[in-house]
Amino acid sequence: MVSGEKGRLLRWWFFFLLLLSPLAALFVNLLNDNLGADPAKVIVKELGFWAITLLWLTLSVTPGIKLLGWRWLMSFRRMLGLYTFFYAVLHLLSFATFLVGWRWDILLTELTKRPYIVVGSLALLLLIPLTFTSTKAMQRRLGKRWKKLHFLIYPISLLAMLHFIWQIRSDFGQQLIFAILLAILLGYRLYLNRRS
């Protein structure tokens, strides 16, 4: 029993540190001046990439359990969701700090001129109630309403995908891969709902 608890604790710490490693790598590259000619843009882009990647991984938990029988994934879904929010907040803060310089006039102009910022901000706003109701205590308190609230992850994923697509300048390969993965993940959920 003790060894089982230790094993779970070790797995928890392993995943916790693994999900923190992209930020650590970014910080090391920044210290070593390995972020190219425009490090600010690289930081904003990398943090956004990891936010959307972790959101997709959160959506992958249910298919992983249903199709592959990986029930152990369930104990890491909350962590994946919280890390999604963490990287999304860092993405916004780095944009506000490095690209806008906390100039509210510029930020308001960006919000009106660039629709990808609007949908990205909306996705982040919708993530807030999911983050603050992710505990078991809130799950018990909200009951059936908790599950309904957490259905917000689907419109959030669509908004995040739109945010990602609207930033395309030339190469759209990465966005295409993310769009195909999202179509599979949401399509599988639609299949499960129809079957039930």
N, C-alpha and C. Protein backbone atom coordinates (compact mmCIF):
# COMPACT_ATOMS: atom_id res chain seq x y z
N MET A 1 0.83 -1.21 0.00
CA MET A 1 0.00 0.00 0.00
C MET A 1 0.86 1.26 0.00
N VAL A 2 1.90 1.25 0.85
CA VAL A 2 2.79 2.40 0.93
C VAL A 2 3.53 2.58 -0.38
N SER A 3 4.01 1.44 -0.96
CA SER A 3 4.74 1.51 -2.23
C SER A 3 3.84 2.04 -3.34
N GLY A 4 2.54 1.66 -3.30
CA GLY A 4 1.59 2.16 -4.30
C GLY A 4 1.42 3.66 -4.18
N GLU A 5 1.32 4.15 -2.94
CA GLU A 5 1.20 5.59 -2.69
C GLU A 5 2.45 6.31 -3.16
N LYS A 6 3.62 5.71 -2.87
CA LYS A 6 4.88 6.33 -3.31
C LYS A 6 4.97 6.38 -4.82
N GLY A 7 4.50 5.31 -5.46
CA GLY A 7 4.52 5.26 -6.92
C GLY A 7 3.63 6.34 -7.52
N ARG A 8 2.45 6.53 -6.95
CA ARG A 8 1.54 7.58 -7.43
C ARG A 8 2.14 8.97 -7.23
N LEU A 9 2.78 9.14 -6.07
CA LEU A 9 3.41 10.43 -5.77
C LEU A 9 4.56 10.72 -6.73
N LEU A 10 5.35 9.69 -7.02
CA LEU A 10 6.46 9.86 -7.97
C LEU A 10 5.95 10.19 -9.37
N ARG A 11 4.88 9.51 -9.79
CA ARG A 11 4.29 9.80 -11.10
C ARG A 11 3.76 11.23 -11.16
N TRP A 12 3.13 11.65 -10.05
CA TRP A 12 2.58 13.00 -9.99
C TRP A 12 3.69 14.04 -10.15
N TRP A 13 4.78 13.87 -9.40
CA TRP A 13 5.90 14.81 -9.49
C TRP A 13 6.58 14.76 -10.85
N PHE A 14 6.66 13.57 -11.43
CA PHE A 14 7.26 13.43 -12.75
C PHE A 14 6.48 14.25 -13.78
N PHE A 15 5.14 14.09 -13.79
CA PHE A 15 4.32 14.84 -14.74
C PHE A 15 4.32 16.34 -14.43
N PHE A 16 4.31 16.68 -13.15
CA PHE A 16 4.34 18.09 -12.76
C PHE A 16 5.59 18.78 -13.31
N LEU A 17 6.75 18.14 -13.13
CA LEU A 17 8.01 18.72 -13.60
C LEU A 17 8.13 18.64 -15.12
N LEU A 18 7.59 17.57 -15.71
CA LEU A 18 7.62 17.44 -17.16
C LEU A 18 6.84 18.58 -17.83
N LEU A 19 5.68 18.91 -17.28
CA LEU A 19 4.85 19.98 -17.85
C LEU A 19 5.44 21.36 -17.58
N LEU A 20 6.31 21.45 -16.59
CA LEU A 20 7.00 22.71 -16.30
C LEU A 20 8.26 22.89 -17.15
N SER A 21 8.74 21.79 -17.73
CA SER A 21 10.01 21.82 -18.46
C SER A 21 10.04 22.75 -19.68
N PRO A 22 8.93 22.93 -20.45
CA PRO A 22 8.99 23.89 -21.56
C PRO A 22 9.31 25.32 -21.10
N LEU A 23 8.75 25.70 -19.95
CA LEU A 23 9.03 27.03 -19.41
C LEU A 23 10.48 27.13 -18.97
N ALA A 24 10.98 26.06 -18.33
CA ALA A 24 12.39 26.04 -17.89
C ALA A 24 13.32 26.12 -19.09
N ALA A 25 13.00 25.37 -20.16
CA ALA A 25 13.83 25.39 -21.37
C ALA A 25 13.83 26.78 -22.01
N LEU A 26 12.68 27.42 -22.03
CA LEU A 26 12.56 28.77 -22.58
C LEU A 26 13.41 29.75 -21.78
N PHE A 27 13.37 29.60 -20.46
CA PHE A 27 14.15 30.48 -19.59
C PHE A 27 15.65 30.28 -19.79
N VAL A 28 16.08 29.02 -19.91
CA VAL A 28 17.51 28.71 -20.14
C VAL A 28 17.96 29.28 -21.48
N ASN A 29 17.12 29.12 -22.52
CA ASN A 29 17.46 29.67 -23.83
C ASN A 29 17.54 31.19 -23.81
N LEU A 30 16.69 31.81 -23.01
CA LEU A 30 16.73 33.26 -22.87
C LEU A 30 18.02 33.70 -22.20
N LEU A 31 18.41 33.01 -21.13
CA LEU A 31 19.65 33.34 -20.42
C LEU A 31 20.88 33.15 -21.31
N ASN A 32 20.83 32.13 -22.18
CA ASN A 32 21.96 31.84 -23.07
C ASN A 32 21.88 32.57 -24.40
N ASP A 33 20.89 33.47 -24.51
CA ASP A 33 20.71 34.28 -25.73
C ASP A 33 20.52 33.40 -26.96
N ASN A 34 19.67 32.36 -26.81
CA ASN A 34 19.42 31.41 -27.91
C ASN A 34 18.02 31.55 -28.51
N LEU A 35 17.42 32.73 -28.38
CA LEU A 35 16.06 32.91 -28.88
C LEU A 35 15.99 33.73 -30.17
N GLY A 36 17.13 33.90 -30.82
CA GLY A 36 17.15 34.56 -32.12
C GLY A 36 17.14 36.07 -32.03
N ALA A 37 16.83 36.69 -33.18
CA ALA A 37 16.90 38.15 -33.29
C ALA A 37 15.76 38.85 -32.56
N ASP A 38 14.63 38.17 -32.41
CA ASP A 38 13.46 38.78 -31.73
C ASP A 38 12.97 37.86 -30.61
N PRO A 39 13.68 37.86 -29.48
CA PRO A 39 13.32 36.94 -28.39
C PRO A 39 11.92 37.17 -27.84
N ALA A 40 11.44 38.42 -27.86
CA ALA A 40 10.10 38.71 -27.34
C ALA A 40 9.03 37.93 -28.09
N LYS A 41 9.11 37.95 -29.42
CA LYS A 41 8.12 37.22 -30.23
C LYS A 41 8.22 35.73 -30.01
N VAL A 42 9.44 35.23 -29.85
CA VAL A 42 9.65 33.79 -29.62
C VAL A 42 9.02 33.38 -28.29
N ILE A 43 9.21 34.18 -27.26
CA ILE A 43 8.64 33.87 -25.94
C ILE A 43 7.12 33.82 -26.01
N VAL A 44 6.51 34.84 -26.63
CA VAL A 44 5.06 34.90 -26.76
C VAL A 44 4.55 33.69 -27.54
N LYS A 45 5.22 33.40 -28.65
CA LYS A 45 4.80 32.29 -29.51
C LYS A 45 4.94 30.94 -28.81
N GLU A 46 6.06 30.72 -28.13
CA GLU A 46 6.29 29.44 -27.44
C GLU A 46 5.29 29.20 -26.32
N LEU A 47 5.01 30.23 -25.55
CA LEU A 47 4.04 30.08 -24.45
C LEU A 47 2.64 29.79 -24.99
N GLY A 48 2.29 30.43 -26.10
CA GLY A 48 1.01 30.16 -26.73
C GLY A 48 0.94 28.74 -27.28
N PHE A 49 2.05 28.29 -27.87
CA PHE A 49 2.12 26.93 -28.41
C PHE A 49 1.88 25.91 -27.32
N TRP A 50 2.50 26.09 -26.16
CA TRP A 50 2.34 25.13 -25.07
C TRP A 50 0.97 25.20 -24.43
N ALA A 51 0.36 26.39 -24.43
CA ALA A 51 -1.01 26.50 -23.91
C ALA A 51 -1.97 25.68 -24.77
N ILE A 52 -1.88 25.81 -26.09
CA ILE A 52 -2.80 25.08 -26.97
C ILE A 52 -2.47 23.58 -26.99
N THR A 53 -1.19 23.25 -26.89
CA THR A 53 -0.79 21.83 -26.85
C THR A 53 -1.36 21.14 -25.61
N LEU A 54 -1.27 21.81 -24.48
CA LEU A 54 -1.79 21.23 -23.23
C LEU A 54 -3.31 21.17 -23.23
N LEU A 55 -3.95 22.12 -23.90
CA LEU A 55 -5.40 22.06 -24.03
C LEU A 55 -5.81 20.84 -24.84
N TRP A 56 -5.08 20.56 -25.92
CA TRP A 56 -5.35 19.38 -26.74
C TRP A 56 -5.08 18.10 -25.95
N LEU A 57 -4.03 18.11 -25.15
CA LEU A 57 -3.73 16.93 -24.31
C LEU A 57 -4.82 16.70 -23.27
N THR A 58 -5.38 17.79 -22.73
CA THR A 58 -6.50 17.66 -21.79
C THR A 58 -7.69 17.01 -22.47
N LEU A 59 -7.96 17.43 -23.72
CA LEU A 59 -9.06 16.84 -24.49
C LEU A 59 -8.79 15.38 -24.86
N SER A 60 -7.52 14.99 -24.85
CA SER A 60 -7.14 13.62 -25.24
C SER A 60 -7.32 12.61 -24.12
N VAL A 61 -7.58 13.08 -22.91
CA VAL A 61 -7.67 12.17 -21.77
C VAL A 61 -8.82 11.18 -21.95
N THR A 62 -10.02 11.67 -22.31
CA THR A 62 -11.17 10.78 -22.48
C THR A 62 -10.94 9.72 -23.57
N PRO A 63 -10.48 10.10 -24.78
CA PRO A 63 -10.17 9.06 -25.77
C PRO A 63 -9.10 8.08 -25.30
N GLY A 64 -8.11 8.60 -24.56
CA GLY A 64 -7.05 7.73 -24.04
C GLY A 64 -7.59 6.67 -23.10
N ILE A 65 -8.58 7.07 -22.29
CA ILE A 65 -9.20 6.12 -21.35
C ILE A 65 -10.12 5.15 -22.09
N LYS A 66 -10.97 5.69 -22.95
CA LYS A 66 -11.98 4.88 -23.64
C LYS A 66 -11.38 3.93 -24.66
N LEU A 67 -10.42 4.42 -25.45
CA LEU A 67 -9.87 3.61 -26.55
C LEU A 67 -8.69 2.75 -26.12
N LEU A 68 -7.85 3.29 -25.23
CA LEU A 68 -6.62 2.58 -24.87
C LEU A 68 -6.67 1.97 -23.47
N GLY A 69 -7.69 2.33 -22.70
CA GLY A 69 -7.80 1.80 -21.34
C GLY A 69 -6.82 2.39 -20.37
N TRP A 70 -6.28 3.57 -20.69
CA TRP A 70 -5.29 4.22 -19.81
C TRP A 70 -6.01 5.00 -18.72
N ARG A 71 -6.54 4.31 -17.73
CA ARG A 71 -7.32 4.95 -16.67
C ARG A 71 -6.45 5.86 -15.79
N TRP A 72 -5.15 5.61 -15.77
CA TRP A 72 -4.25 6.44 -14.98
C TRP A 72 -4.23 7.89 -15.46
N LEU A 73 -4.66 8.11 -16.72
CA LEU A 73 -4.69 9.47 -17.25
C LEU A 73 -5.65 10.37 -16.48
N MET A 74 -6.72 9.77 -15.93
CA MET A 74 -7.74 10.55 -15.24
C MET A 74 -7.16 11.37 -14.09
N SER A 75 -6.16 10.79 -13.40
CA SER A 75 -5.59 11.50 -12.25
C SER A 75 -4.71 12.68 -12.66
N PHE A 76 -4.44 12.83 -13.98
CA PHE A 76 -3.61 13.94 -14.45
C PHE A 76 -4.39 14.95 -15.28
N ARG A 77 -5.70 14.71 -15.47
CA ARG A 77 -6.48 15.63 -16.30
C ARG A 77 -6.56 17.02 -15.67
N ARG A 78 -6.77 17.07 -14.36
CA ARG A 78 -6.84 18.37 -13.69
C ARG A 78 -5.52 19.12 -13.83
N MET A 79 -4.41 18.40 -13.65
CA MET A 79 -3.10 19.02 -13.77
C MET A 79 -2.89 19.59 -15.19
N LEU A 80 -3.30 18.83 -16.20
CA LEU A 80 -3.18 19.30 -17.59
C LEU A 80 -4.01 20.56 -17.79
N GLY A 81 -5.22 20.57 -17.24
CA GLY A 81 -6.08 21.75 -17.37
C GLY A 81 -5.50 22.97 -16.68
N LEU A 82 -4.95 22.77 -15.49
CA LEU A 82 -4.37 23.89 -14.76
C LEU A 82 -3.12 24.42 -15.46
N TYR A 83 -2.32 23.52 -16.00
CA TYR A 83 -1.15 23.95 -16.76
C TYR A 83 -1.55 24.67 -18.05
N THR A 84 -2.65 24.26 -18.66
CA THR A 84 -3.17 24.97 -19.84
C THR A 84 -3.43 26.43 -19.49
N PHE A 85 -4.13 26.63 -18.38
CA PHE A 85 -4.44 27.99 -17.92
C PHE A 85 -3.16 28.75 -17.57
N PHE A 86 -2.23 28.09 -16.91
CA PHE A 86 -0.96 28.69 -16.52
C PHE A 86 -0.20 29.22 -17.74
N TYR A 87 -0.05 28.38 -18.77
CA TYR A 87 0.68 28.80 -19.97
C TYR A 87 -0.10 29.86 -20.76
N ALA A 88 -1.43 29.78 -20.75
CA ALA A 88 -2.25 30.78 -21.44
C ALA A 88 -2.10 32.15 -20.77
N VAL A 89 -2.07 32.17 -19.44
CA VAL A 89 -1.88 33.43 -18.71
C VAL A 89 -0.49 34.00 -18.99
N LEU A 90 0.53 33.13 -18.98
CA LEU A 90 1.90 33.58 -19.29
C LEU A 90 1.99 34.11 -20.72
N HIS A 91 1.27 33.47 -21.63
CA HIS A 91 1.21 33.90 -23.03
C HIS A 91 0.66 35.33 -23.11
N LEU A 92 -0.44 35.59 -22.40
CA LEU A 92 -1.05 36.92 -22.40
C LEU A 92 -0.13 37.94 -21.72
N LEU A 93 0.45 37.57 -20.58
CA LEU A 93 1.33 38.49 -19.85
C LEU A 93 2.58 38.84 -20.66
N SER A 94 3.13 37.84 -21.35
CA SER A 94 4.32 38.11 -22.18
C SER A 94 3.97 39.01 -23.36
N PHE A 95 2.77 38.83 -23.94
CA PHE A 95 2.31 39.71 -25.02
C PHE A 95 2.16 41.14 -24.50
N ALA A 96 1.50 41.28 -23.34
CA ALA A 96 1.28 42.60 -22.76
C ALA A 96 2.59 43.28 -22.35
N THR A 97 3.55 42.48 -21.90
CA THR A 97 4.83 43.03 -21.42
C THR A 97 5.79 43.34 -22.56
N PHE A 98 6.04 42.36 -23.42
CA PHE A 98 7.09 42.50 -24.42
C PHE A 98 6.64 43.16 -25.72
N LEU A 99 5.40 42.94 -26.11
CA LEU A 99 4.94 43.46 -27.40
C LEU A 99 4.11 44.73 -27.29
N VAL A 100 3.47 44.93 -26.14
CA VAL A 100 2.61 46.11 -25.97
C VAL A 100 3.19 47.07 -24.93
N GLY A 101 4.03 46.55 -24.04
CA GLY A 101 4.64 47.39 -23.02
C GLY A 101 3.65 47.94 -22.01
N TRP A 102 2.56 47.20 -21.79
CA TRP A 102 1.51 47.59 -20.85
C TRP A 102 0.92 48.97 -21.17
N ARG A 103 0.94 49.31 -22.47
CA ARG A 103 0.27 50.53 -22.94
C ARG A 103 -1.17 50.20 -23.26
N TRP A 104 -2.11 50.69 -22.43
CA TRP A 104 -3.51 50.34 -22.60
C TRP A 104 -4.09 50.87 -23.90
N ASP A 105 -3.58 52.03 -24.37
CA ASP A 105 -4.06 52.57 -25.64
C ASP A 105 -3.70 51.65 -26.80
N ILE A 106 -2.47 51.12 -26.76
CA ILE A 106 -2.03 50.18 -27.81
C ILE A 106 -2.81 48.88 -27.70
N LEU A 107 -3.00 48.42 -26.46
CA LEU A 107 -3.74 47.17 -26.25
C LEU A 107 -5.17 47.27 -26.78
N LEU A 108 -5.84 48.39 -26.52
CA LEU A 108 -7.20 48.58 -27.02
C LEU A 108 -7.23 48.64 -28.54
N THR A 109 -6.22 49.27 -29.13
CA THR A 109 -6.12 49.32 -30.59
C THR A 109 -5.92 47.93 -31.16
N GLU A 110 -5.06 47.15 -30.50
CA GLU A 110 -4.80 45.77 -30.94
C GLU A 110 -6.07 44.93 -30.86
N LEU A 111 -6.84 45.14 -29.79
CA LEU A 111 -8.07 44.38 -29.61
C LEU A 111 -9.09 44.67 -30.71
N THR A 112 -9.13 45.91 -31.17
CA THR A 112 -10.10 46.27 -32.20
C THR A 112 -9.62 45.92 -33.60
N LYS A 113 -8.31 45.98 -33.80
CA LYS A 113 -7.76 45.75 -35.15
C LYS A 113 -7.47 44.28 -35.44
N ARG A 114 -7.16 43.53 -34.41
CA ARG A 114 -6.72 42.14 -34.63
C ARG A 114 -7.71 41.18 -33.97
N PRO A 115 -8.58 40.57 -34.78
CA PRO A 115 -9.61 39.67 -34.20
C PRO A 115 -9.03 38.45 -33.50
N TYR A 116 -7.81 38.02 -33.87
CA TYR A 116 -7.24 36.84 -33.20
C TYR A 116 -6.96 37.12 -31.72
N ILE A 117 -6.70 38.40 -31.38
CA ILE A 117 -6.49 38.75 -29.98
C ILE A 117 -7.81 38.70 -29.22
N VAL A 118 -8.88 39.11 -29.88
CA VAL A 118 -10.22 39.08 -29.25
C VAL A 118 -10.62 37.65 -28.91
N VAL A 119 -10.50 36.73 -29.90
CA VAL A 119 -10.92 35.33 -29.65
C VAL A 119 -9.98 34.65 -28.65
N GLY A 120 -8.70 35.01 -28.69
CA GLY A 120 -7.75 34.45 -27.72
C GLY A 120 -8.07 34.89 -26.31
N SER A 121 -8.40 36.18 -26.16
CA SER A 121 -8.77 36.72 -24.84
C SER A 121 -10.06 36.08 -24.34
N LEU A 122 -11.01 35.87 -25.24
CA LEU A 122 -12.27 35.24 -24.86
C LEU A 122 -12.05 33.80 -24.39
N ALA A 123 -11.17 33.07 -25.10
CA ALA A 123 -10.85 31.70 -24.69
C ALA A 123 -10.24 31.68 -23.29
N LEU A 124 -9.36 32.64 -23.02
CA LEU A 124 -8.73 32.72 -21.69
C LEU A 124 -9.75 33.06 -20.61
N LEU A 125 -10.66 33.97 -20.91
CA LEU A 125 -11.71 34.33 -19.95
C LEU A 125 -12.59 33.13 -19.61
N LEU A 126 -12.90 32.32 -20.63
CA LEU A 126 -13.73 31.14 -20.40
C LEU A 126 -12.98 30.06 -19.62
N LEU A 127 -11.66 30.09 -19.68
CA LEU A 127 -10.85 29.13 -18.92
C LEU A 127 -10.88 29.42 -17.42
N ILE A 128 -11.12 30.69 -17.05
CA ILE A 128 -11.07 31.08 -15.64
C ILE A 128 -12.06 30.29 -14.77
N PRO A 129 -13.37 30.23 -15.13
CA PRO A 129 -14.27 29.44 -14.28
C PRO A 129 -13.93 27.96 -14.23
N LEU A 130 -13.37 27.42 -15.31
CA LEU A 130 -12.98 26.00 -15.31
C LEU A 130 -11.82 25.79 -14.33
N THR A 131 -10.90 26.73 -14.32
CA THR A 131 -9.73 26.62 -13.44
C THR A 131 -10.14 26.68 -11.97
N PHE A 132 -11.01 27.62 -11.64
CA PHE A 132 -11.38 27.83 -10.24
C PHE A 132 -12.44 26.85 -9.74
N THR A 133 -12.97 26.03 -10.63
CA THR A 133 -13.91 24.99 -10.18
C THR A 133 -13.35 23.59 -10.45
N SER A 134 -12.03 23.50 -10.57
CA SER A 134 -11.43 22.21 -10.91
C SER A 134 -11.17 21.30 -9.71
N THR A 135 -11.39 21.83 -8.49
CA THR A 135 -11.12 21.02 -7.30
C THR A 135 -12.25 20.04 -7.03
N LYS A 136 -11.96 19.01 -6.26
CA LYS A 136 -12.98 18.01 -5.90
C LYS A 136 -14.08 18.64 -5.04
N ALA A 137 -13.68 19.60 -4.20
CA ALA A 137 -14.66 20.28 -3.35
C ALA A 137 -15.68 21.03 -4.19
N MET A 138 -15.20 21.74 -5.24
CA MET A 138 -16.11 22.47 -6.13
C MET A 138 -16.96 21.50 -6.95
N GLN A 139 -16.37 20.37 -7.31
CA GLN A 139 -17.12 19.36 -8.05
C GLN A 139 -18.29 18.85 -7.22
N ARG A 140 -18.05 18.62 -5.93
CA ARG A 140 -19.12 18.17 -5.03
C ARG A 140 -20.16 19.26 -4.83
N ARG A 141 -19.69 20.50 -4.66
CA ARG A 141 -20.60 21.61 -4.39
C ARG A 141 -21.52 21.89 -5.59
N LEU A 142 -20.96 21.83 -6.80
CA LEU A 142 -21.75 22.16 -8.00
C LEU A 142 -22.59 20.99 -8.49
N GLY A 143 -22.20 19.77 -8.14
CA GLY A 143 -22.96 18.59 -8.56
C GLY A 143 -23.02 18.47 -10.07
N LYS A 144 -24.23 18.31 -10.62
CA LYS A 144 -24.40 18.14 -12.07
C LYS A 144 -24.02 19.39 -12.84
N ARG A 145 -24.14 20.55 -12.19
CA ARG A 145 -23.79 21.80 -12.86
C ARG A 145 -22.30 21.87 -13.19
N TRP A 146 -21.46 21.14 -12.40
CA TRP A 146 -20.02 21.13 -12.64
C TRP A 146 -19.71 20.58 -14.03
N LYS A 147 -20.36 19.48 -14.38
CA LYS A 147 -20.12 18.86 -15.68
C LYS A 147 -20.57 19.77 -16.81
N LYS A 148 -21.72 20.42 -16.63
CA LYS A 148 -22.22 21.35 -17.65
C LYS A 148 -21.26 22.52 -17.83
N LEU A 149 -20.75 23.03 -16.71
CA LEU A 149 -19.80 24.15 -16.77
C LEU A 149 -18.54 23.75 -17.52
N HIS A 150 -18.08 22.53 -17.28
CA HIS A 150 -16.82 22.09 -17.89
C HIS A 150 -16.98 21.69 -19.35
N PHE A 151 -18.21 21.72 -19.86
CA PHE A 151 -18.41 21.59 -21.31
C PHE A 151 -17.86 22.81 -22.05
N LEU A 152 -17.55 23.87 -21.30
CA LEU A 152 -16.95 25.07 -21.90
C LEU A 152 -15.64 24.77 -22.60
N ILE A 153 -15.01 23.65 -22.25
CA ILE A 153 -13.73 23.31 -22.87
C ILE A 153 -13.87 23.17 -24.39
N TYR A 154 -15.06 22.82 -24.87
CA TYR A 154 -15.25 22.64 -26.32
C TYR A 154 -15.27 23.98 -27.06
N PRO A 155 -16.09 24.97 -26.64
CA PRO A 155 -15.96 26.28 -27.30
C PRO A 155 -14.61 26.93 -27.08
N ILE A 156 -13.99 26.68 -25.92
CA ILE A 156 -12.65 27.22 -25.66
C ILE A 156 -11.66 26.69 -26.70
N SER A 157 -11.73 25.38 -26.97
CA SER A 157 -10.81 24.77 -27.94
C SER A 157 -11.03 25.34 -29.34
N LEU A 158 -12.28 25.60 -29.70
CA LEU A 158 -12.58 26.19 -31.02
C LEU A 158 -12.06 27.62 -31.10
N LEU A 159 -12.23 28.39 -30.03
CA LEU A 159 -11.71 29.76 -30.00
C LEU A 159 -10.18 29.77 -30.06
N ALA A 160 -9.56 28.84 -29.34
CA ALA A 160 -8.09 28.74 -29.36
C ALA A 160 -7.59 28.38 -30.76
N MET A 161 -8.32 27.49 -31.43
CA MET A 161 -7.94 27.10 -32.79
C MET A 161 -8.07 28.29 -33.74
N LEU A 162 -9.14 29.05 -33.58
CA LEU A 162 -9.34 30.25 -34.40
C LEU A 162 -8.25 31.27 -34.14
N HIS A 163 -7.90 31.45 -32.88
CA HIS A 163 -6.81 32.35 -32.49
C HIS A 163 -5.50 31.94 -33.17
N PHE A 164 -5.26 30.65 -33.23
CA PHE A 164 -4.05 30.10 -33.83
C PHE A 164 -4.06 30.28 -35.35
N ILE A 165 -5.19 30.00 -35.98
CA ILE A 165 -5.30 30.07 -37.44
C ILE A 165 -5.18 31.50 -37.95
N TRP A 166 -5.81 32.44 -37.25
CA TRP A 166 -5.81 33.84 -37.71
C TRP A 166 -4.44 34.50 -37.63
N GLN A 167 -3.46 33.82 -37.04
CA GLN A 167 -2.11 34.38 -36.98
C GLN A 167 -1.23 33.91 -38.14
N ILE A 168 -1.79 33.10 -39.03
CA ILE A 168 -1.00 32.55 -40.15
C ILE A 168 -0.50 33.69 -41.03
N ARG A 169 0.79 33.66 -41.30
CA ARG A 169 1.38 34.62 -42.23
C ARG A 169 1.74 33.94 -43.55
N SER A 170 2.38 32.78 -43.47
CA SER A 170 2.75 32.07 -44.70
C SER A 170 2.54 30.56 -44.55
N ASP A 171 3.33 29.93 -43.67
CA ASP A 171 3.26 28.49 -43.49
C ASP A 171 2.12 28.13 -42.55
N PHE A 172 1.20 27.27 -43.00
CA PHE A 172 0.06 26.89 -42.17
C PHE A 172 0.09 25.41 -41.77
N GLY A 173 1.25 24.76 -41.91
CA GLY A 173 1.37 23.34 -41.60
C GLY A 173 1.05 23.00 -40.16
N GLN A 174 1.59 23.77 -39.23
CA GLN A 174 1.36 23.52 -37.80
C GLN A 174 -0.12 23.67 -37.44
N GLN A 175 -0.74 24.73 -37.95
CA GLN A 175 -2.16 24.96 -37.68
C GLN A 175 -3.02 23.85 -38.26
N LEU A 176 -2.64 23.34 -39.42
CA LEU A 176 -3.39 22.25 -40.05
C LEU A 176 -3.35 20.99 -39.19
N ILE A 177 -2.18 20.68 -38.66
CA ILE A 177 -2.03 19.50 -37.78
C ILE A 177 -2.92 19.65 -36.54
N PHE A 178 -2.88 20.84 -35.92
CA PHE A 178 -3.71 21.08 -34.73
C PHE A 178 -5.20 21.01 -35.06
N ALA A 179 -5.58 21.52 -36.23
CA ALA A 179 -6.99 21.50 -36.64
C ALA A 179 -7.47 20.06 -36.87
N ILE A 180 -6.64 19.23 -37.49
CA ILE A 180 -7.00 17.82 -37.73
C ILE A 180 -7.15 17.08 -36.39
N LEU A 181 -6.20 17.32 -35.49
CA LEU A 181 -6.28 16.68 -34.16
C LEU A 181 -7.53 17.10 -33.41
N LEU A 182 -7.87 18.39 -33.49
CA LEU A 182 -9.07 18.87 -32.81
C LEU A 182 -10.33 18.26 -33.42
N ALA A 183 -10.36 18.15 -34.74
CA ALA A 183 -11.51 17.55 -35.42
C ALA A 183 -11.70 16.10 -34.96
N ILE A 184 -10.59 15.37 -34.79
CA ILE A 184 -10.65 13.98 -34.33
C ILE A 184 -11.16 13.92 -32.89
N LEU A 185 -10.60 14.78 -32.03
CA LEU A 185 -10.97 14.77 -30.61
C LEU A 185 -12.44 15.15 -30.40
N LEU A 186 -12.89 16.21 -31.08
CA LEU A 186 -14.28 16.63 -30.93
C LEU A 186 -15.23 15.67 -31.65
N GLY A 187 -14.78 15.12 -32.78
CA GLY A 187 -15.59 14.14 -33.51
C GLY A 187 -15.82 12.89 -32.69
N TYR A 188 -14.79 12.46 -31.96
CA TYR A 188 -14.92 11.27 -31.12
C TYR A 188 -15.93 11.52 -29.99
N ARG A 189 -15.89 12.72 -29.41
CA ARG A 189 -16.85 13.06 -28.36
C ARG A 189 -18.27 13.10 -28.90
N LEU A 190 -18.43 13.61 -30.11
CA LEU A 190 -19.75 13.65 -30.75
C LEU A 190 -20.27 12.23 -30.98
N TYR A 191 -19.36 11.35 -31.37
CA TYR A 191 -19.71 9.94 -31.57
C TYR A 191 -20.16 9.31 -30.26
N LEU A 192 -19.44 9.59 -29.17
CA LEU A 192 -19.80 9.04 -27.85
C LEU A 192 -21.16 9.55 -27.40
N ASN A 193 -21.43 10.84 -27.62
CA ASN A 193 -22.72 11.42 -27.22
C ASN A 193 -23.87 10.81 -27.99
N ARG A 194 -23.68 10.62 -29.29
CA ARG A 194 -24.74 10.04 -30.12
C ARG A 194 -24.99 8.59 -29.75
N ARG A 195 -23.91 7.88 -29.43
CA ARG A 195 -24.06 6.46 -29.07
C ARG A 195 -24.78 6.30 -27.74
N SER A 196 -24.53 7.26 -26.82
CA SER A 196 -25.17 7.15 -25.50
C SER A 196 -26.61 7.66 -25.53
